């Protein structure tokens, strides 16, 4: 293990960094940038995960509401069927009016004060 570390150290010692990269301030700045961008990435990814969960929940709610709409439309269609309406008219105990007369209005006024 020690030999391996020595070989790696020798390999990298052949390369020299530019003078401006060798300063401690640049290393600190790069380290800070690494942590700032890493934190921003983690924060943004967490926000995307939360948004994805909320979208999934809303899609399920939309599907549930669409199912309920289809059920209500089916109920409306069955309640407005002519056989159903004719059956309910008999239960109202009303009598048909014989000899219906319609009046034609003269002029544009229906009622006058």
Protein backbone atom coordinates (compact mmCIF):
# COMPACT_ATOMS: atom_id res chain seq x y z
CA UNK A 1 0.00 0.00 0.00
CA UNK A 2 2.78 2.38 0.90
CA UNK A 3 4.51 1.71 -2.42
CA UNK A 4 1.34 2.46 -4.28
CA UNK A 5 0.99 5.81 -2.53
CA UNK A 6 4.62 6.62 -3.29
CA UNK A 7 4.13 5.77 -6.98
CA UNK A 8 1.09 8.00 -7.21
CA UNK A 9 2.93 10.83 -5.44
CA UNK A 10 5.88 10.47 -7.82
CA UNK A 11 3.57 10.43 -10.81
CA UNK A 12 1.81 13.63 -9.81
CA UNK A 13 5.01 15.36 -8.71
CA UNK A 14 6.07 15.45 -12.35
CA UNK A 15 3.24 17.90 -13.07
CA UNK A 16 3.49 21.42 -11.73
CA UNK A 17 0.57 23.78 -11.22
CA UNK A 18 0.63 27.34 -12.47
CA UNK A 19 1.70 29.84 -9.82
CA UNK A 20 -1.75 31.36 -9.42
CA UNK A 21 -3.25 27.93 -8.61
CA UNK A 22 -0.60 27.17 -6.01
CA UNK A 23 -1.80 29.86 -3.62
CA UNK A 24 -3.90 28.92 -0.57
CA UNK A 25 -6.53 31.59 -1.30
CA UNK A 26 -7.38 30.01 -4.66
CA UNK A 27 -7.71 26.60 -3.04
CA UNK A 28 -10.06 28.04 -0.40
CA UNK A 29 -12.14 29.79 -3.07
CA UNK A 30 -12.40 26.58 -5.13
CA UNK A 31 -13.36 24.59 -2.04
CA UNK A 32 -16.05 27.13 -1.12
CA UNK A 33 -17.39 27.13 -4.68
CA UNK A 34 -17.53 23.33 -4.61
CA UNK A 35 -19.62 23.33 -1.43
CA UNK A 36 -21.86 26.21 -2.54
CA UNK A 37 -22.67 24.62 -5.90
CA UNK A 38 -23.03 21.18 -4.30
CA UNK A 39 -25.47 22.56 -1.75
CA UNK A 40 -27.41 24.40 -4.45
CA UNK A 41 -27.64 21.19 -6.48
CA UNK A 42 -28.93 19.21 -3.50
CA UNK A 43 -31.43 21.97 -2.63
CA UNK A 44 -32.71 22.16 -6.21
CA UNK A 45 -32.97 18.37 -6.52
CA UNK A 46 -34.95 18.21 -3.28
CA UNK A 47 -37.34 20.85 -4.61
CA UNK A 48 -37.83 18.90 -7.83
CA UNK A 49 -38.60 15.73 -5.89
CA UNK A 50 -41.22 17.57 -3.82
CA UNK A 51 -42.75 19.06 -6.99
CA UNK A 52 -42.86 15.64 -8.64
CA UNK A 53 -44.67 14.18 -5.63
CA UNK A 54 -47.20 17.02 -5.69
CA UNK A 55 -47.77 16.60 -9.44
CA UNK A 56 -48.37 12.87 -8.96
CA UNK A 57 -50.89 13.59 -6.19
CA UNK A 58 -52.73 16.12 -8.36
CA UNK A 59 -52.82 13.71 -11.33
CA UNK A 60 -54.42 11.08 -9.09
CA UNK A 61 -56.98 13.66 -7.93
CA UNK A 62 -57.74 14.61 -11.55
CA UNK A 63 -58.30 10.94 -12.43
CA UNK A 64 -60.60 10.54 -9.42
CA UNK A 65 -62.60 13.63 -10.40
CA UNK A 66 -62.86 12.47 -14.03
CA UNK A 67 -64.23 9.15 -12.81
CA UNK A 68 -66.77 10.96 -10.65
CA UNK A 69 -67.79 13.18 -13.61
CA UNK A 70 -68.39 10.10 -15.78
CA UNK A 71 -70.53 8.58 -13.01
CA UNK A 72 -72.59 11.76 -12.64
CA UNK A 73 -73.06 12.03 -16.43
CA UNK A 74 -74.34 8.44 -16.45
CA UNK A 75 -76.75 9.24 -13.60
CA UNK A 76 -78.02 12.36 -15.40
CA UNK A 77 -78.55 10.41 -18.61
CA UNK A 78 -80.52 7.70 -16.81
CA UNK A 79 -82.62 10.24 -14.86
CA UNK A 80 -83.45 12.25 -17.99
CA UNK A 81 -84.54 9.23 -20.02
CA UNK A 82 -88.05 9.69 -21.41
CA UNK A 83 -89.38 6.51 -19.75
CA UNK A 84 -88.21 7.74 -16.36
CA UNK A 85 -89.78 11.17 -16.89
CA UNK A 86 -93.12 9.68 -18.02
CA UNK A 87 -93.14 7.43 -14.96
CA UNK A 88 -92.62 10.40 -12.64
CA UNK A 89 -95.33 12.49 -14.35
CA UNK A 90 -97.91 9.87 -13.32
CA UNK A 91 -96.83 10.23 -9.68
CA UNK A 92 -97.52 14.00 -9.67
CA UNK A 93 -101.34 13.47 -9.79
CA UNK A 94 -101.85 16.22 -12.34
CA UNK A 95 -104.55 16.30 -14.99
CA UNK A 96 -103.97 17.23 -18.61
CA UNK A 97 -105.59 20.53 -19.61
CA UNK A 98 -108.21 20.03 -22.34
CA UNK A 99 -108.76 22.59 -25.10
CA UNK A 100 -105.70 24.76 -24.63
CA UNK A 101 -106.09 28.17 -26.29
CA UNK A 102 -103.17 30.40 -27.13
CA UNK A 103 -103.45 34.18 -27.31
CA UNK A 104 -101.54 36.28 -29.78
CA UNK A 105 -100.17 39.51 -28.30
CA UNK A 106 -100.87 42.69 -30.20
CA UNK A 107 -97.96 45.08 -30.25
CA UNK A 108 -94.67 44.76 -28.43
CA UNK A 109 -95.99 45.09 -24.85
CA UNK A 110 -97.18 42.14 -22.85
CA UNK A 111 -98.40 44.11 -19.84
CA UNK A 112 -99.15 47.81 -19.61
CA UNK A 113 -99.49 50.02 -16.51
